[in-house]
């Protein structure tokens, strides 16, 4: 921790620290931390005074933060830093010291990185009480769109995390998972997601991951492949495919992303997609095309597509629809 500019006010009415420039946890911080006058009689035996804060960081990486204050943090540094101010003994473990902290306020981060997700202008009303961190009124910019939601983290022996979020007008080509095929895609996405995780470390968190959500797409464009033409001819046809809207649902698990169904619609065609994409970015998808209106195709037309392999260069195969037999 490097302190370049801090003003401390220690008065009968309370304590206040104004941060001009402090480097900590891989970020540069500014703002203020304040504690009103603490009278022991106001609290019960197991209660501690509340701090309020307004903190701003230029950039913050969740992985870097975990190395300092997570369950695998360096032993000893927190005990040396905080015990006297929190009324504890120097021998107390970090969890006991953190349990004494009760604080709430506004947290702002210009650039926040969580694994592959990079959020800009992150803002949240934050509360820390008894090893439970709550974030409400969360707002951020992500992939040219907006994100809002809530988050909770419980720092027990096995930390637990819950995230509820909605996203609006996100550019699908700027999401980290579709960057390898960004030159072939265009469109925006809106929707919601619910995530539950627990454990220590990336592997444990991914193994425990459970979640679900829904997605709405607009003005989707696939460059380099005329899907409708391919289905009609029974062979590959280059060109551009466009769909005005799309709706779908998905689940997240330790294996990756499961697309329950995605329906893309245009005036002449409905394109249905389902399957899975692993966290290793391997695909296993099935697509089905239904012509609508005057463009309805005959039973012998190619209507099914199998997509497998790496998302950056998948294998695509065409299959004919099997005519339904009597009694099927």
C-alpha atoms as a PDB file:
ATOM      1  CA  UNK A   1       0.000   0.000   0.000  1.00  0.00           C
ATOM      2  CA  UNK A   2       1.423   3.387  -1.047  1.00  0.00           C
ATOM      3  CA  UNK A   3       0.006   6.523   0.546  1.00  0.00           C
ATOM      4  CA  UNK A   4       0.767   9.737  -1.334  1.00  0.00           C
ATOM      5  CA  UNK A   5      -1.981  12.055  -0.098  1.00  0.00           C
ATOM      6  CA  UNK A   6      -4.264  11.432   2.896  1.00  0.00           C
ATOM      7  CA  UNK A   7      -5.832  13.853   5.359  1.00  0.00           C
ATOM      8  CA  UNK A   8      -6.888  12.478   8.763  1.00  0.00           C
ATOM      9  CA  UNK A   9      -9.300  14.302  11.068  1.00  0.00           C
ATOM     10  CA  UNK A  10      -9.564  12.833  14.573  1.00  0.00           C
ATOM     11  CA  UNK A  11     -12.262  14.716  16.491  1.00  0.00           C
ATOM     12  CA  UNK A  12     -14.657  14.113  19.331  1.00  0.00           C
ATOM     13  CA  UNK A  13     -17.519  14.034  16.840  1.00  0.00           C
ATOM     14  CA  UNK A  14     -15.895  11.341  14.747  1.00  0.00           C
ATOM     15  CA  UNK A  15     -13.021  10.317  12.534  1.00  0.00           C
ATOM     16  CA  UNK A  16     -12.612  11.116   8.856  1.00  0.00           C
ATOM     17  CA  UNK A  17      -9.955  10.153   6.324  1.00  0.00           C
ATOM     18  CA  UNK A  18      -9.859  11.993   3.005  1.00  0.00           C
ATOM     19  CA  UNK A  19      -7.920  10.083   0.347  1.00  0.00           C
ATOM     20  CA  UNK A  20      -6.247  12.243  -2.252  1.00  0.00           C
ATOM     21  CA  UNK A  21      -4.196   9.432  -3.767  1.00  0.00           C
ATOM     22  CA  UNK A  22      -3.657   5.971  -2.290  1.00  0.00           C
ATOM     23  CA  UNK A  23      -2.365   2.943  -4.223  1.00  0.00           C
ATOM     24  CA  UNK A  24      -3.777  -0.346  -2.933  1.00  0.00           C
ATOM     25  CA  UNK A  25      -4.971  -3.700  -4.342  1.00  0.00           C
ATOM     26  CA  UNK A  26      -3.581  -2.813  -7.769  1.00  0.00           C
ATOM     27  CA  UNK A  27      -5.634   0.401  -8.031  1.00  0.00           C
ATOM     28  CA  UNK A  28      -5.340   4.110  -7.288  1.00  0.00           C
ATOM     29  CA  UNK A  29      -8.024   5.304  -4.855  1.00  0.00           C
ATOM     30  CA  UNK A  30      -9.534   8.629  -3.879  1.00  0.00           C
ATOM     31  CA  UNK A  31     -12.539   9.668  -1.780  1.00  0.00           C
ATOM     32  CA  UNK A  32     -13.340   9.576   1.915  1.00  0.00           C
ATOM     33  CA  UNK A  33     -13.946   7.170   4.813  1.00  0.00           C
ATOM     34  CA  UNK A  34     -15.729   8.444   7.912  1.00  0.00           C
ATOM     35  CA  UNK A  35     -16.836   7.115  11.294  1.00  0.00           C
ATOM     36  CA  UNK A  36     -19.173   9.161  13.515  1.00  0.00           C
ATOM     37  CA  UNK A  37     -18.628   9.383  17.254  1.00  0.00           C
ATOM     38  CA  UNK A  38     -18.797   5.894  18.779  1.00  0.00           C
ATOM     39  CA  UNK A  39     -20.345   5.492  22.198  1.00  0.00           C
ATOM     40  CA  UNK A  40     -20.056   1.955  23.525  1.00  0.00           C
ATOM     41  CA  UNK A  41     -23.441   2.209  25.212  1.00  0.00           C
ATOM     42  CA  UNK A  42     -25.121   2.611  21.837  1.00  0.00           C
ATOM     43  CA  UNK A  43     -24.187  -0.882  20.736  1.00  0.00           C
ATOM     44  CA  UNK A  44     -24.573  -4.363  22.067  1.00  0.00           C
ATOM     45  CA  UNK A  45     -21.656  -6.522  23.093  1.00  0.00           C
ATOM     46  CA  UNK A  46     -21.216  -7.966  19.563  1.00  0.00           C
ATOM     47  CA  UNK A  47     -21.877  -4.762  17.622  1.00  0.00           C
ATOM     48  CA  UNK A  48     -19.363  -2.354  16.181  1.00  0.00           C
ATOM     49  CA  UNK A  49     -19.573   1.234  14.902  1.00  0.00           C
ATOM     50  CA  UNK A  50     -20.538   1.886  11.298  1.00  0.00           C
ATOM     51  CA  UNK A  51     -18.187   3.515   8.817  1.00  0.00           C
ATOM     52  CA  UNK A  52     -19.434   5.406   5.764  1.00  0.00           C
ATOM     53  CA  UNK A  53     -17.441   5.904   2.585  1.00  0.00           C
ATOM     54  CA  UNK A  54     -17.321   7.427  -0.869  1.00  0.00           C
ATOM     55  CA  UNK A  55     -14.541   5.655  -2.768  1.00  0.00           C
ATOM     56  CA  UNK A  56     -13.336   5.921  -6.357  1.00  0.00           C
ATOM     57  CA  UNK A  57     -10.788   3.629  -8.060  1.00  0.00           C
ATOM     58  CA  UNK A  58      -9.269   4.005 -11.511  1.00  0.00           C
ATOM     59  CA  UNK A  59      -9.168   0.289 -12.295  1.00  0.00           C
ATOM     60  CA  UNK A  60      -9.690  -2.900 -10.319  1.00  0.00           C
ATOM     61  CA  UNK A  61      -9.085  -6.541 -11.201  1.00  0.00           C
ATOM     62  CA  UNK A  62     -11.056  -9.106  -9.195  1.00  0.00           C
ATOM     63  CA  UNK A  63      -8.161 -11.566  -9.425  1.00  0.00           C
ATOM     64  CA  UNK A  64      -5.761  -8.997  -7.967  1.00  0.00           C
ATOM     65  CA  UNK A  65      -8.201  -8.137  -5.174  1.00  0.00           C
ATOM     66  CA  UNK A  66      -8.609 -11.828  -4.297  1.00  0.00           C
ATOM     67  CA  UNK A  67      -4.860 -12.168  -3.769  1.00  0.00           C
ATOM     68  CA  UNK A  68      -5.034  -9.548  -0.992  1.00  0.00           C
ATOM     69  CA  UNK A  69      -8.379  -9.937   0.774  1.00  0.00           C
ATOM     70  CA  UNK A  70      -9.781 -13.254  -0.468  1.00  0.00           C
ATOM     71  CA  UNK A  71      -9.635 -16.573   1.425  1.00  0.00           C
ATOM     72  CA  UNK A  72      -6.180 -17.269  -0.060  1.00  0.00           C
ATOM     73  CA  UNK A  73      -4.752 -13.856   0.851  1.00  0.00           C
ATOM     74  CA  UNK A  74      -1.255 -13.492   2.258  1.00  0.00           C
ATOM     75  CA  UNK A  75      -1.346 -14.426   5.953  1.00  0.00           C
ATOM     76  CA  UNK A  76      -0.546 -11.788   8.500  1.00  0.00           C
ATOM     77  CA  UNK A  77      -0.874  -8.498   6.598  1.00  0.00           C
ATOM     78  CA  UNK A  78      -4.431  -7.776   7.723  1.00  0.00           C
ATOM     79  CA  UNK A  79      -3.657  -8.597  11.352  1.00  0.00           C
ATOM     80  CA  UNK A  80      -0.784  -6.126  11.320  1.00  0.00           C
ATOM     81  CA  UNK A  81      -2.822  -3.418   9.631  1.00  0.00           C
ATOM     82  CA  UNK A  82      -6.165  -3.417  11.400  1.00  0.00           C
ATOM     83  CA  UNK A  83      -6.296  -4.917  14.935  1.00  0.00           C
ATOM     84  CA  UNK A  84      -5.822  -1.841  17.079  1.00  0.00           C
ATOM     85  CA  UNK A  85      -8.282   0.273  15.116  1.00  0.00           C
ATOM     86  CA  UNK A  86     -10.910  -2.456  15.248  1.00  0.00           C
ATOM     87  CA  UNK A  87     -10.524  -3.283  18.908  1.00  0.00           C
ATOM     88  CA  UNK A  88      -9.090  -6.750  18.368  1.00  0.00           C
ATOM     89  CA  UNK A  89      -5.936  -8.597  19.315  1.00  0.00           C
ATOM     90  CA  UNK A  90      -3.050  -8.902  16.891  1.00  0.00           C
ATOM     91  CA  UNK A  91      -3.337 -12.701  16.902  1.00  0.00           C
ATOM     92  CA  UNK A  92      -6.873 -12.702  15.506  1.00  0.00           C
ATOM     93  CA  UNK A  93      -7.319 -14.215  12.014  1.00  0.00           C
ATOM     94  CA  UNK A  94      -8.409 -12.009   9.108  1.00  0.00           C
ATOM     95  CA  UNK A  95     -11.978 -13.360   9.248  1.00  0.00           C
ATOM     96  CA  UNK A  96     -12.365 -12.227  12.858  1.00  0.00           C
ATOM     97  CA  UNK A  97     -11.040  -8.768  12.014  1.00  0.00           C
ATOM     98  CA  UNK A  98     -13.244  -8.407   8.942  1.00  0.00           C
ATOM     99  CA  UNK A  99     -16.241  -9.469  11.004  1.00  0.00           C
ATOM    100  CA  UNK A 100     -15.788  -6.284  13.067  1.00  0.00           C
ATOM    101  CA  UNK A 101     -16.122  -4.028  10.034  1.00  0.00           C
ATOM    102  CA  UNK A 102     -19.531  -2.464   9.434  1.00  0.00           C
ATOM    103  CA  UNK A 103     -19.478  -0.030   6.547  1.00  0.00           C
ATOM    104  CA  UNK A 104     -21.725   1.325   3.823  1.00  0.00           C
ATOM    105  CA  UNK A 105     -21.376   3.821   1.024  1.00  0.00           C
ATOM    106  CA  UNK A 106     -20.850   4.453  -2.645  1.00  0.00           C
ATOM    107  CA  UNK A 107     -18.207   2.525  -4.594  1.00  0.00           C
ATOM    108  CA  UNK A 108     -17.132   3.669  -8.069  1.00  0.00           C
ATOM    109  CA  UNK A 109     -14.596   2.017 -10.373  1.00  0.00           C
ATOM    110  CA  UNK A 110     -13.693   3.416 -13.782  1.00  0.00           C
ATOM    111  CA  UNK A 111     -12.574   0.043 -15.146  1.00  0.00           C
ATOM    112  CA  UNK A 112     -13.527  -3.229 -13.395  1.00  0.00           C
ATOM    113  CA  UNK A 113     -12.296  -6.618 -14.676  1.00  0.00           C
ATOM    114  CA  UNK A 114     -13.915  -9.897 -13.604  1.00  0.00           C
ATOM    115  CA  UNK A 115     -12.331 -12.756 -15.556  1.00  0.00           C
ATOM    116  CA  UNK A 116     -13.197 -12.008 -19.215  1.00  0.00           C
ATOM    117  CA  UNK A 117     -15.848  -9.433 -18.368  1.00  0.00           C
ATOM    118  CA  UNK A 118     -14.711  -5.811 -18.424  1.00  0.00           C
ATOM    119  CA  UNK A 119     -17.088  -3.214 -16.967  1.00  0.00           C
ATOM    120  CA  UNK A 120     -16.666   0.529 -17.336  1.00  0.00           C
ATOM    121  CA  UNK A 121     -18.035   3.287 -15.099  1.00  0.00           C
ATOM    122  CA  UNK A 122     -19.062   0.774 -12.425  1.00  0.00           C
ATOM    123  CA  UNK A 123     -21.188   2.297  -9.632  1.00  0.00           C
ATOM    124  CA  UNK A 124     -22.797   0.542  -6.657  1.00  0.00           C
ATOM    125  CA  UNK A 125     -24.313   1.253  -3.259  1.00  0.00           C
ATOM    126  CA  UNK A 126     -22.229  -1.063  -1.084  1.00  0.00           C
ATOM    127  CA  UNK A 127     -22.619  -2.494   2.416  1.00  0.00           C
ATOM    128  CA  UNK A 128     -20.280  -4.734   4.409  1.00  0.00           C
ATOM    129  CA  UNK A 129     -21.619  -6.251   7.628  1.00  0.00           C
ATOM    130  CA  UNK A 130     -20.579  -9.437   9.439  1.00  0.00           C
ATOM    131  CA  UNK A 131     -18.637 -10.879   6.498  1.00  0.00           C
ATOM    132  CA  UNK A 132     -21.508 -10.227   4.094  1.00  0.00           C
ATOM    133  CA  UNK A 133     -20.991  -7.839   1.196  1.00  0.00           C
ATOM    134  CA  UNK A 134     -24.111  -6.489  -0.515  1.00  0.00           C
ATOM    135  CA  UNK A 135     -24.218  -4.344  -3.625  1.00  0.00           C
ATOM    136  CA  UNK A 136     -27.431  -2.677  -4.740  1.00  0.00           C
ATOM    137  CA  UNK A 137     -28.284  -0.141  -7.440  1.00  0.00           C
ATOM    138  CA  UNK A 138     -25.373  -1.519  -9.472  1.00  0.00           C
ATOM    139  CA  UNK A 139     -24.836   0.252 -12.790  1.00  0.00           C
ATOM    140  CA  UNK A 140     -22.110  -0.181 -15.397  1.00  0.00           C
ATOM    141  CA  UNK A 141     -21.326  -0.071 -19.096  1.00  0.00           C
ATOM    142  CA  UNK A 142     -20.486  -3.332 -20.827  1.00  0.00           C
ATOM    143  CA  UNK A 143     -19.735  -4.005 -24.497  1.00  0.00           C
ATOM    144  CA  UNK A 144     -21.311  -0.704 -25.621  1.00  0.00           C
ATOM    145  CA  UNK A 145     -24.469  -1.453 -23.587  1.00  0.00           C
ATOM    146  CA  UNK A 146     -25.775  -0.970 -20.051  1.00  0.00           C
ATOM    147  CA  UNK A 147     -25.866  -3.357 -17.083  1.00  0.00           C
ATOM    148  CA  UNK A 148     -27.907  -3.024 -13.882  1.00  0.00           C
ATOM    149  CA  UNK A 149     -28.392  -5.384 -10.966  1.00  0.00           C
ATOM    150  CA  UNK A 150     -27.523  -6.554  -7.463  1.00  0.00           C
ATOM    151  CA  UNK A 151     -24.814  -8.778  -5.970  1.00  0.00           C
ATOM    152  CA  UNK A 152     -24.183 -10.486  -2.634  1.00  0.00           C
ATOM    153  CA  UNK A 153     -21.086 -12.220  -1.297  1.00  0.00           C
ATOM    154  CA  UNK A 154     -20.876 -14.163   1.960  1.00  0.00           C
ATOM    155  CA  UNK A 155     -17.278 -14.667   3.091  1.00  0.00           C
ATOM    156  CA  UNK A 156     -17.699 -17.854   5.113  1.00  0.00           C
ATOM    157  CA  UNK A 157     -15.334 -20.850   5.088  1.00  0.00           C
ATOM    158  CA  UNK A 158     -16.791 -21.582   1.642  1.00  0.00           C
ATOM    159  CA  UNK A 159     -17.570 -18.145   0.156  1.00  0.00           C
ATOM    160  CA  UNK A 160     -20.898 -17.835  -1.669  1.00  0.00           C
ATOM    161  CA  UNK A 161     -21.858 -15.379  -4.375  1.00  0.00           C
ATOM    162  CA  UNK A 162     -25.216 -14.437  -5.901  1.00  0.00           C
ATOM    163  CA  UNK A 163     -25.663 -12.082  -8.858  1.00  0.00           C
ATOM    164  CA  UNK A 164     -28.850 -10.786 -10.482  1.00  0.00           C
ATOM    165  CA  UNK A 165     -28.380  -8.576 -13.528  1.00  0.00           C
ATOM    166  CA  UNK A 166     -30.130  -7.164 -16.560  1.00  0.00           C
ATOM    167  CA  UNK A 167     -28.351  -5.969 -19.690  1.00  0.00           C
ATOM    168  CA  UNK A 168     -29.569  -3.725 -22.500  1.00  0.00           C
ATOM    169  CA  UNK A 169     -28.337  -2.976 -26.043  1.00  0.00           C
ATOM    170  CA  UNK A 170     -25.094  -4.919 -25.633  1.00  0.00           C
ATOM    171  CA  UNK A 171     -23.102  -5.279 -28.873  1.00  0.00           C
ATOM    172  CA  UNK A 172     -22.765  -9.041 -29.342  1.00  0.00           C
ATOM    173  CA  UNK A 173     -19.506  -8.660 -31.265  1.00  0.00           C
ATOM    174  CA  UNK A 174     -17.879  -6.947 -28.276  1.00  0.00           C
ATOM    175  CA  UNK A 175     -18.722  -9.672 -25.762  1.00  0.00           C
ATOM    176  CA  UNK A 176     -15.556 -11.655 -24.919  1.00  0.00           C
ATOM    177  CA  UNK A 177     -16.986 -15.004 -26.066  1.00  0.00           C
ATOM    178  CA  UNK A 178     -17.784 -13.842 -29.616  1.00  0.00           C
ATOM    179  CA  UNK A 179     -14.670 -11.784 -30.316  1.00  0.00           C
ATOM    180  CA  UNK A 180     -13.148 -14.632 -32.435  1.00  0.00           C
ATOM    181  CA  UNK A 181     -16.074 -14.371 -34.893  1.00  0.00           C
ATOM    182  CA  UNK A 182     -16.695 -10.622 -34.589  1.00  0.00           C
ATOM    183  CA  UNK A 183     -15.934  -9.992 -38.286  1.00  0.00           C
ATOM    184  CA  UNK A 184     -18.864 -12.238 -39.269  1.00  0.00           C
ATOM    185  CA  UNK A 185     -21.518 -11.035 -36.799  1.00  0.00           C
ATOM    186  CA  UNK A 186     -23.486  -7.957 -35.885  1.00  0.00           C
ATOM    187  CA  UNK A 187     -26.460  -7.152 -33.665  1.00  0.00           C
ATOM    188  CA  UNK A 188     -27.430  -6.204 -30.120  1.00  0.00           C
ATOM    189  CA  UNK A 189     -28.604  -8.198 -27.105  1.00  0.00           C
ATOM    190  CA  UNK A 190     -30.772  -7.457 -24.070  1.00  0.00           C
ATOM    191  CA  UNK A 191     -31.974  -9.743 -21.300  1.00  0.00           C
ATOM    192  CA  UNK A 192     -31.334 -10.949 -17.776  1.00  0.00           C
ATOM    193  CA  UNK A 193     -29.117 -13.428 -15.928  1.00  0.00           C
ATOM    194  CA  UNK A 194     -29.064 -15.037 -12.463  1.00  0.00           C
ATOM    195  CA  UNK A 195     -25.834 -16.622 -11.150  1.00  0.00           C
ATOM    196  CA  UNK A 196     -24.933 -18.656  -8.049  1.00  0.00           C
ATOM    197  CA  UNK A 197     -21.346 -19.634  -7.193  1.00  0.00           C
ATOM    198  CA  UNK A 198     -19.384 -20.836  -4.175  1.00  0.00           C
ATOM    199  CA  UNK A 199     -15.886 -21.897  -3.265  1.00  0.00           C
ATOM    200  CA  UNK A 200     -12.327 -20.592  -3.362  1.00  0.00           C
ATOM    201  CA  UNK A 201     -10.456 -20.106  -6.614  1.00  0.00           C
ATOM    202  CA  UNK A 202     -11.457 -20.109 -10.266  1.00  0.00           C
ATOM    203  CA  UNK A 203     -11.740 -23.894 -10.618  1.00  0.00           C
ATOM    204  CA  UNK A 204     -14.001 -24.262  -7.583  1.00  0.00           C
ATOM    205  CA  UNK A 205     -16.186 -21.342  -8.654  1.00  0.00           C
ATOM    206  CA  UNK A 206     -16.674 -22.715 -12.166  1.00  0.00           C
ATOM    207  CA  UNK A 207     -17.432 -26.187 -10.792  1.00  0.00           C
ATOM    208  CA  UNK A 208     -20.185 -24.764  -8.574  1.00  0.00           C
ATOM    209  CA  UNK A 209     -21.613 -22.365 -11.158  1.00  0.00           C
ATOM    210  CA  UNK A 210     -25.362 -22.500 -11.614  1.00  0.00           C
ATOM    211  CA  UNK A 211     -27.417 -19.933 -13.446  1.00  0.00           C
ATOM    212  CA  UNK A 212     -30.101 -19.140 -15.956  1.00  0.00           C
ATOM    213  CA  UNK A 213     -31.320 -16.274 -18.066  1.00  0.00           C
ATOM    214  CA  UNK A 214     -33.173 -15.034 -21.097  1.00  0.00           C
ATOM    215  CA  UNK A 215     -31.985 -13.084 -24.096  1.00  0.00           C
ATOM    216  CA  UNK A 216     -33.539 -10.827 -26.747  1.00  0.00           C
ATOM    217  CA  UNK A 217     -31.653 -10.033 -29.944  1.00  0.00           C
ATOM    218  CA  UNK A 218     -32.173  -7.268 -32.506  1.00  0.00           C
ATOM    219  CA  UNK A 219     -30.857  -6.644 -36.029  1.00  0.00           C
ATOM    220  CA  UNK A 220     -28.752  -9.807 -36.156  1.00  0.00           C
ATOM    221  CA  UNK A 221     -26.500 -10.145 -39.197  1.00  0.00           C
ATOM    222  CA  UNK A 222     -24.327 -13.110 -40.199  1.00  0.00           C
ATOM    223  CA  UNK A 223     -21.822 -12.193 -42.900  1.00  0.00           C
ATOM    224  CA  UNK A 224     -20.319 -14.814 -45.201  1.00  0.00           C
ATOM    225  CA  UNK A 225     -23.151 -17.370 -45.073  1.00  0.00           C
ATOM    226  CA  UNK A 226     -26.591 -17.256 -46.680  1.00  0.00           C
ATOM    227  CA  UNK A 227     -28.420 -19.644 -44.343  1.00  0.00           C
ATOM    228  CA  UNK A 228     -31.769 -19.511 -46.152  1.00  0.00           C
ATOM    229  CA  UNK A 229     -30.079 -20.112 -49.501  1.00  0.00           C
ATOM    230  CA  UNK A 230     -28.064 -22.998 -48.099  1.00  0.00           C
ATOM    231  CA  UNK A 231     -31.205 -24.636 -46.748  1.00  0.00           C
ATOM    232  CA  UNK A 232     -33.051 -24.216 -50.039  1.00  0.00           C
ATOM    233  CA  UNK A 233     -30.214 -25.503 -52.286  1.00  0.00           C
ATOM    234  CA  UNK A 234     -28.913 -28.246 -50.027  1.00  0.00           C
ATOM    235  CA  UNK A 235     -25.358 -26.974 -50.355  1.00  0.00           C
ATOM    236  CA  UNK A 236     -23.245 -24.175 -48.972  1.00  0.00           C
ATOM    237  CA  UNK A 237     -24.056 -20.700 -50.275  1.00  0.00           C
ATOM    238  CA  UNK A 238     -22.074 -17.616 -49.354  1.00  0.00           C
ATOM    239  CA  UNK A 239     -23.785 -14.316 -48.695  1.00  0.00           C
ATOM    240  CA  UNK A 240     -25.410 -12.503 -45.780  1.00  0.00           C
ATOM    241  CA  UNK A 241     -28.158 -13.680 -43.409  1.00  0.00           C
ATOM    242  CA  UNK A 242     -30.297 -11.204 -41.516  1.00  0.00           C
ATOM    243  CA  UNK A 243     -32.862 -11.616 -38.758  1.00  0.00           C
ATOM    244  CA  UNK A 244     -34.853  -8.724 -37.346  1.00  0.00           C
ATOM    245  CA  UNK A 245     -35.418 -10.233 -33.883  1.00  0.00           C
ATOM    246  CA  UNK A 246     -34.468 -13.159 -31.704  1.00  0.00           C
ATOM    247  CA  UNK A 247     -35.542 -14.611 -28.354  1.00  0.00           C
ATOM    248  CA  UNK A 248     -34.115 -17.404 -26.269  1.00  0.00           C
ATOM    249  CA  UNK A 249     -33.382 -18.914 -22.867  1.00  0.00           C
ATOM    250  CA  UNK A 250     -30.182 -20.415 -21.474  1.00  0.00           C
ATOM    251  CA  UNK A 251     -28.628 -22.128 -18.473  1.00  0.00           C
ATOM    252  CA  UNK A 252     -25.098 -21.933 -17.079  1.00  0.00           C
ATOM    253  CA  UNK A 253     -23.395 -24.835 -15.326  1.00  0.00           C
ATOM    254  CA  UNK A 254     -19.915 -26.120 -14.554  1.00  0.00           C
ATOM    255  CA  UNK A 255     -19.621 -27.342 -18.135  1.00  0.00           C
ATOM    256  CA  UNK A 256     -20.404 -24.025 -19.754  1.00  0.00           C
ATOM    257  CA  UNK A 257     -23.271 -22.342 -21.554  1.00  0.00           C
ATOM    258  CA  UNK A 258     -26.382 -24.366 -22.483  1.00  0.00           C
ATOM    259  CA  UNK A 259     -28.649 -22.714 -25.021  1.00  0.00           C
ATOM    260  CA  UNK A 260     -32.110 -24.167 -24.418  1.00  0.00           C
ATOM    261  CA  UNK A 261     -33.565 -22.475 -27.479  1.00  0.00           C
ATOM    262  CA  UNK A 262     -32.917 -19.432 -29.620  1.00  0.00           C
ATOM    263  CA  UNK A 263     -35.461 -18.405 -32.260  1.00  0.00           C
ATOM    264  CA  UNK A 264     -34.292 -15.906 -34.898  1.00  0.00           C
ATOM    265  CA  UNK A 265     -37.028 -14.436 -37.083  1.00  0.00           C
ATOM    266  CA  UNK A 266     -37.083 -12.660 -40.451  1.00  0.00           C
ATOM    267  CA  UNK A 267     -39.972 -12.005 -42.866  1.00  0.00           C
ATOM    268  CA  UNK A 268     -39.167 -15.208 -44.800  1.00  0.00           C
ATOM    269  CA  UNK A 269     -37.583 -17.534 -42.256  1.00  0.00           C
ATOM    270  CA  UNK A 270     -37.376 -18.751 -38.678  1.00  0.00           C
ATOM    271  CA  UNK A 271     -34.020 -20.124 -37.570  1.00  0.00           C
ATOM    272  CA  UNK A 272     -33.934 -22.283 -34.405  1.00  0.00           C
ATOM    273  CA  UNK A 273     -30.664 -22.909 -32.558  1.00  0.00           C
ATOM    274  CA  UNK A 274     -29.952 -25.018 -29.456  1.00  0.00           C
ATOM    275  CA  UNK A 275     -27.009 -26.804 -27.884  1.00  0.00           C
ATOM    276  CA  UNK A 276     -24.000 -25.924 -25.742  1.00  0.00           C
ATOM    277  CA  UNK A 277     -20.748 -23.969 -25.699  1.00  0.00           C
ATOM    278  CA  UNK A 278     -18.128 -25.070 -23.167  1.00  0.00           C
ATOM    279  CA  UNK A 279     -15.936 -22.710 -21.167  1.00  0.00           C
ATOM    280  CA  UNK A 280     -13.158 -23.960 -23.439  1.00  0.00           C
ATOM    281  CA  UNK A 281     -15.150 -22.405 -26.325  1.00  0.00           C
ATOM    282  CA  UNK A 282     -16.036 -25.735 -27.973  1.00  0.00           C
ATOM    283  CA  UNK A 283     -19.473 -25.819 -29.593  1.00  0.00           C
ATOM    284  CA  UNK A 284     -22.063 -28.564 -29.992  1.00  0.00           C
ATOM    285  CA  UNK A 285     -25.083 -26.943 -31.639  1.00  0.00           C
ATOM    286  CA  UNK A 286     -28.044 -28.005 -33.760  1.00  0.00           C
ATOM    287  CA  UNK A 287     -29.860 -25.567 -36.028  1.00  0.00           C
ATOM    288  CA  UNK A 288     -33.155 -25.908 -37.859  1.00  0.00           C
ATOM    289  CA  UNK A 289     -34.621 -23.582 -40.455  1.00  0.00           C
ATOM    290  CA  UNK A 290     -38.302 -23.082 -41.197  1.00  0.00           C
ATOM    291  CA  UNK A 291     -39.257 -21.058 -44.269  1.00  0.00           C
ATOM    292  CA  UNK A 292     -42.397 -19.004 -43.818  1.00  0.00           C
ATOM    293  CA  UNK A 293     -45.001 -17.537 -46.149  1.00  0.00           C
ATOM    294  CA  UNK A 294     -44.514 -18.050 -49.888  1.00  0.00           C
ATOM    295  CA  UNK A 295     -40.963 -19.321 -49.436  1.00  0.00           C
ATOM    296  CA  UNK A 296     -42.025 -22.557 -47.706  1.00  0.00           C
ATOM    297  CA  UNK A 297     -39.786 -25.395 -48.939  1.00  0.00           C
ATOM    298  CA  UNK A 298     -40.640 -28.950 -49.874  1.00  0.00           C
ATOM    299  CA  UNK A 299     -40.034 -31.961 -47.667  1.00  0.00           C
ATOM    300  CA  UNK A 300     -36.822 -32.912 -49.523  1.00  0.00           C
ATOM    301  CA  UNK A 301     -35.079 -29.626 -48.681  1.00  0.00           C
ATOM    302  CA  UNK A 302     -32.072 -29.520 -46.361  1.00  0.00           C
ATOM    303  CA  UNK A 303     -33.343 -28.191 -43.043  1.00  0.00           C
ATOM    304  CA  UNK A 304     -30.924 -29.266 -40.290  1.00  0.00           C
ATOM    305  CA  UNK A 305     -27.402 -28.075 -39.506  1.00  0.00           C
ATOM    306  CA  UNK A 306     -24.906 -29.572 -37.046  1.00  0.00           C
ATOM    307  CA  UNK A 307     -22.265 -27.180 -35.699  1.00  0.00           C
ATOM    308  CA  UNK A 308     -19.351 -28.534 -33.637  1.00  0.00           C
ATOM    309  CA  UNK A 309     -15.756 -27.779 -32.723  1.00  0.00           C
ATOM    310  CA  UNK A 310     -13.971 -24.545 -31.738  1.00  0.00           C
ATOM    311  CA  UNK A 311     -16.153 -21.454 -31.870  1.00  0.00           C
ATOM    312  CA  UNK A 312     -13.506 -19.616 -33.924  1.00  0.00           C
ATOM    313  CA  UNK A 313     -13.599 -22.302 -36.666  1.00  0.00           C
ATOM    314  CA  UNK A 314     -16.472 -24.746 -36.195  1.00  0.00           C
ATOM    315  CA  UNK A 315     -17.344 -27.705 -38.428  1.00  0.00           C
ATOM    316  CA  UNK A 316     -20.723 -27.333 -40.139  1.00  0.00           C
ATOM    317  CA  UNK A 317     -22.641 -30.227 -41.720  1.00  0.00           C
ATOM    318  CA  UNK A 318     -26.012 -30.244 -43.509  1.00  0.00           C
ATOM    319  CA  UNK A 319     -28.660 -32.903 -42.987  1.00  0.00           C
ATOM    320  CA  UNK A 320     -31.903 -33.608 -44.761  1.00  0.00           C
ATOM    321  CA  UNK A 321     -35.160 -33.641 -42.862  1.00  0.00           C
ATOM    322  CA  UNK A 322     -36.590 -37.133 -42.504  1.00  0.00           C
ATOM    323  CA  UNK A 323     -40.147 -37.364 -43.742  1.00  0.00           C
ATOM    324  CA  UNK A 324     -42.538 -38.473 -41.040  1.00  0.00           C
ATOM    325  CA  UNK A 325     -43.890 -41.980 -41.599  1.00  0.00           C
ATOM    326  CA  UNK A 326     -47.428 -43.129 -40.735  1.00  0.00           C
ATOM    327  CA  UNK A 327     -47.584 -44.188 -37.124  1.00  0.00           C
ATOM    328  CA  UNK A 328     -44.551 -42.095 -36.034  1.00  0.00           C
END
